[in-house]
Amino acid sequence: MSAPNPFSCIQELSAGYFASRCLHAAAELGVADALGDEPMRVEALAAATKSDPDALSRILRLLETHGVFNIEDGVVSQTPAS
């Protein structure tokens, strides 16, 4: 078995950290609770959670890649994971 590429190893470890931190931030902000059953624009969700719209958008986009939220045309909706 060959040794793993050091860059790939570090990249994979850090990406896992980013995802878990984003999930933690979303939980602390109460994103899923603020979102409820109706889809909401990122800007409105940021206002409801008293967070920065750009930062929240980045968090939600990362979480979308893991299936936690769904985002379509700037509108966020729940998934079973959220």
N, C-alpha and C. Protein backbone atom coordinates (compact mmCIF):
# COMPACT_ATOMS: atom_id res chain seq x y z
N MET A 1 0.86 -1.17 0.00
CA MET A 1 0.00 0.00 0.00
C MET A 1 0.91 1.24 0.00
N SER A 2 0.58 2.19 -0.85
CA SER A 2 1.40 3.40 -0.92
C SER A 2 0.95 4.41 0.13
N ALA A 3 1.88 5.29 0.49
CA ALA A 3 1.58 6.34 1.47
C ALA A 3 0.64 7.35 0.84
N PRO A 4 -0.32 7.88 1.61
CA PRO A 4 -1.24 8.88 1.05
C PRO A 4 -0.50 10.18 0.73
N ASN A 5 -1.02 10.87 -0.23
CA ASN A 5 -0.48 12.18 -0.61
C ASN A 5 -0.67 13.12 0.58
N PRO A 6 0.41 13.74 1.09
CA PRO A 6 0.27 14.61 2.27
C PRO A 6 -0.71 15.76 2.06
N PHE A 7 -0.70 16.36 0.88
CA PHE A 7 -1.63 17.46 0.61
C PHE A 7 -3.07 16.98 0.67
N SER A 8 -3.36 15.85 0.05
CA SER A 8 -4.72 15.30 0.07
C SER A 8 -5.16 14.95 1.48
N CYS A 9 -4.25 14.42 2.26
CA CYS A 9 -4.56 14.06 3.65
C CYS A 9 -4.97 15.30 4.44
N ILE A 10 -4.17 16.35 4.37
CA ILE A 10 -4.47 17.58 5.11
C ILE A 10 -5.74 18.23 4.59
N GLN A 11 -5.92 18.23 3.27
CA GLN A 11 -7.12 18.83 2.68
C GLN A 11 -8.37 18.09 3.16
N GLU A 12 -8.33 16.78 3.18
CA GLU A 12 -9.49 15.99 3.62
C GLU A 12 -9.79 16.24 5.10
N LEU A 13 -8.76 16.28 5.93
CA LEU A 13 -8.97 16.53 7.36
C LEU A 13 -9.55 17.92 7.61
N SER A 14 -9.04 18.92 6.92
CA SER A 14 -9.53 20.28 7.14
C SER A 14 -10.94 20.45 6.60
N ALA A 15 -11.27 19.80 5.51
CA ALA A 15 -12.63 19.90 4.96
C ALA A 15 -13.64 19.31 5.93
N GLY A 16 -13.30 18.24 6.59
CA GLY A 16 -14.19 17.65 7.59
C GLY A 16 -14.41 18.59 8.76
N TYR A 17 -13.37 19.30 9.14
CA TYR A 17 -13.48 20.28 10.23
C TYR A 17 -14.40 21.42 9.82
N PHE A 18 -14.24 21.92 8.58
CA PHE A 18 -15.07 23.03 8.11
C PHE A 18 -16.54 22.64 8.15
N ALA A 19 -16.84 21.44 7.69
CA ALA A 19 -18.24 21.00 7.65
C ALA A 19 -18.82 20.89 9.06
N SER A 20 -18.06 20.32 9.98
CA SER A 20 -18.58 20.18 11.34
C SER A 20 -18.74 21.54 12.02
N ARG A 21 -17.84 22.47 11.77
CA ARG A 21 -17.96 23.81 12.34
C ARG A 21 -19.15 24.55 11.76
N CYS A 22 -19.39 24.39 10.46
CA CYS A 22 -20.55 25.04 9.84
C CYS A 22 -21.85 24.45 10.40
N LEU A 23 -21.89 23.16 10.62
CA LEU A 23 -23.06 22.54 11.21
C LEU A 23 -23.27 23.07 12.64
N HIS A 24 -22.20 23.20 13.37
CA HIS A 24 -22.27 23.73 14.72
C HIS A 24 -22.77 25.18 14.71
N ALA A 25 -22.25 25.99 13.81
CA ALA A 25 -22.67 27.41 13.71
C ALA A 25 -24.15 27.50 13.36
N ALA A 26 -24.59 26.69 12.40
CA ALA A 26 -26.01 26.70 12.00
C ALA A 26 -26.90 26.30 13.17
N ALA A 27 -26.45 25.32 13.95
CA ALA A 27 -27.24 24.88 15.11
C ALA A 27 -27.28 25.98 16.17
N GLU A 28 -26.15 26.61 16.44
CA GLU A 28 -26.12 27.69 17.43
C GLU A 28 -27.00 28.87 17.02
N LEU A 29 -27.01 29.17 15.72
CA LEU A 29 -27.84 30.27 15.23
C LEU A 29 -29.32 29.92 15.19
N GLY A 30 -29.64 28.64 15.27
CA GLY A 30 -31.04 28.21 15.19
C GLY A 30 -31.60 28.32 13.79
N VAL A 31 -30.77 28.03 12.79
CA VAL A 31 -31.18 28.19 11.39
C VAL A 31 -32.39 27.32 11.07
N ALA A 32 -32.35 26.05 11.42
CA ALA A 32 -33.46 25.15 11.09
C ALA A 32 -34.76 25.59 11.76
N ASP A 33 -34.66 26.05 13.00
CA ASP A 33 -35.86 26.53 13.71
C ASP A 33 -36.40 27.80 13.06
N ALA A 34 -35.51 28.72 12.70
CA ALA A 34 -35.94 29.97 12.07
C ALA A 34 -36.54 29.71 10.70
N LEU A 35 -36.02 28.70 10.02
CA LEU A 35 -36.51 28.39 8.68
C LEU A 35 -37.90 27.79 8.72
N GLY A 36 -38.15 26.92 9.65
CA GLY A 36 -39.47 26.30 9.74
C GLY A 36 -39.79 25.45 8.52
N ASP A 37 -41.08 25.38 8.19
CA ASP A 37 -41.53 24.53 7.08
C ASP A 37 -41.55 25.25 5.74
N GLU A 38 -41.48 26.56 5.75
CA GLU A 38 -41.55 27.33 4.51
C GLU A 38 -40.17 27.77 4.06
N PRO A 39 -39.85 27.60 2.77
CA PRO A 39 -38.57 28.09 2.24
C PRO A 39 -38.44 29.59 2.47
N MET A 40 -37.20 30.05 2.61
CA MET A 40 -36.94 31.44 2.93
C MET A 40 -35.68 31.90 2.20
N ARG A 41 -35.67 33.15 1.77
CA ARG A 41 -34.48 33.72 1.15
C ARG A 41 -33.36 33.80 2.20
N VAL A 42 -32.14 33.66 1.73
CA VAL A 42 -30.98 33.70 2.63
C VAL A 42 -30.97 34.99 3.43
N GLU A 43 -31.28 36.11 2.80
CA GLU A 43 -31.26 37.41 3.48
C GLU A 43 -32.27 37.46 4.63
N ALA A 44 -33.46 36.92 4.39
CA ALA A 44 -34.50 36.90 5.42
C ALA A 44 -34.10 35.95 6.55
N LEU A 45 -33.49 34.84 6.20
CA LEU A 45 -33.03 33.88 7.20
C LEU A 45 -31.91 34.49 8.04
N ALA A 46 -31.04 35.24 7.41
CA ALA A 46 -29.97 35.93 8.14
C ALA A 46 -30.56 36.94 9.12
N ALA A 47 -31.57 37.67 8.69
CA ALA A 47 -32.21 38.64 9.58
C ALA A 47 -32.89 37.92 10.74
N ALA A 48 -33.53 36.80 10.46
CA ALA A 48 -34.23 36.04 11.50
C ALA A 48 -33.26 35.44 12.52
N THR A 49 -32.05 35.14 12.09
CA THR A 49 -31.06 34.54 12.99
C THR A 49 -30.04 35.56 13.48
N LYS A 50 -30.25 36.83 13.10
CA LYS A 50 -29.33 37.91 13.49
C LYS A 50 -27.89 37.58 13.10
N SER A 51 -27.73 37.16 11.85
CA SER A 51 -26.40 36.80 11.35
C SER A 51 -26.09 37.56 10.07
N ASP A 52 -24.84 37.54 9.68
CA ASP A 52 -24.40 38.21 8.46
C ASP A 52 -24.87 37.40 7.24
N PRO A 53 -25.57 38.04 6.29
CA PRO A 53 -26.09 37.30 5.14
C PRO A 53 -25.03 36.60 4.31
N ASP A 54 -23.88 37.26 4.08
CA ASP A 54 -22.82 36.63 3.28
C ASP A 54 -22.23 35.43 3.99
N ALA A 55 -21.96 35.57 5.29
CA ALA A 55 -21.39 34.46 6.05
C ALA A 55 -22.39 33.30 6.13
N LEU A 56 -23.65 33.61 6.38
CA LEU A 56 -24.67 32.57 6.46
C LEU A 56 -24.81 31.86 5.12
N SER A 57 -24.75 32.61 4.05
CA SER A 57 -24.84 32.02 2.71
C SER A 57 -23.72 31.01 2.48
N ARG A 58 -22.50 31.36 2.89
CA ARG A 58 -21.37 30.44 2.72
C ARG A 58 -21.56 29.18 3.58
N ILE A 59 -22.02 29.36 4.80
CA ILE A 59 -22.27 28.22 5.68
C ILE A 59 -23.33 27.30 5.06
N LEU A 60 -24.40 27.90 4.58
CA LEU A 60 -25.49 27.10 4.02
C LEU A 60 -25.08 26.39 2.74
N ARG A 61 -24.28 27.05 1.91
CA ARG A 61 -23.80 26.40 0.68
C ARG A 61 -22.95 25.18 1.00
N LEU A 62 -22.09 25.31 2.00
CA LEU A 62 -21.28 24.15 2.38
C LEU A 62 -22.17 23.03 2.91
N LEU A 63 -23.12 23.38 3.77
CA LEU A 63 -24.02 22.37 4.32
C LEU A 63 -24.91 21.75 3.25
N GLU A 64 -25.21 22.51 2.22
CA GLU A 64 -26.00 21.96 1.11
C GLU A 64 -25.24 20.83 0.42
N THR A 65 -23.92 20.98 0.29
CA THR A 65 -23.14 19.93 -0.37
C THR A 65 -23.17 18.62 0.42
N HIS A 66 -23.52 18.71 1.71
CA HIS A 66 -23.64 17.52 2.56
C HIS A 66 -25.09 17.11 2.77
N GLY A 67 -26.03 17.78 2.09
CA GLY A 67 -27.43 17.40 2.15
C GLY A 67 -28.19 17.91 3.36
N VAL A 68 -27.62 18.88 4.09
CA VAL A 68 -28.28 19.36 5.30
C VAL A 68 -29.38 20.37 4.96
N PHE A 69 -29.16 21.24 4.00
CA PHE A 69 -30.17 22.19 3.53
C PHE A 69 -30.21 22.12 2.01
N ASN A 70 -31.25 22.69 1.44
CA ASN A 70 -31.35 22.81 -0.01
C ASN A 70 -31.42 24.30 -0.33
N ILE A 71 -30.68 24.73 -1.34
CA ILE A 71 -30.70 26.14 -1.77
C ILE A 71 -30.95 26.17 -3.27
N GLU A 72 -31.96 26.93 -3.65
CA GLU A 72 -32.27 27.09 -5.07
C GLU A 72 -32.60 28.55 -5.33
N ASP A 73 -31.81 29.19 -6.17
CA ASP A 73 -31.99 30.61 -6.50
C ASP A 73 -32.04 31.50 -5.26
N GLY A 74 -31.17 31.22 -4.29
CA GLY A 74 -31.10 32.04 -3.09
C GLY A 74 -32.18 31.75 -2.05
N VAL A 75 -32.97 30.72 -2.28
CA VAL A 75 -34.04 30.33 -1.35
C VAL A 75 -33.64 29.03 -0.65
N VAL A 76 -33.66 29.05 0.66
CA VAL A 76 -33.24 27.92 1.47
C VAL A 76 -34.46 27.13 1.91
N SER A 77 -34.34 25.81 1.87
CA SER A 77 -35.41 24.95 2.39
C SER A 77 -34.80 23.81 3.19
N GLN A 78 -35.64 23.21 4.01
CA GLN A 78 -35.22 22.10 4.87
C GLN A 78 -35.02 20.83 4.05
N THR A 79 -34.22 19.94 4.57
CA THR A 79 -34.11 18.57 4.07
C THR A 79 -34.37 17.66 5.28
N PRO A 80 -34.50 16.38 5.07
CA PRO A 80 -34.67 15.49 6.23
C PRO A 80 -33.51 15.61 7.23
N ALA A 81 -32.31 15.92 6.75
CA ALA A 81 -31.16 16.06 7.64
C ALA A 81 -31.24 17.29 8.52
N SER A 82 -31.88 18.33 8.03
CA SER A 82 -31.95 19.55 8.83
C SER A 82 -33.03 19.45 9.88
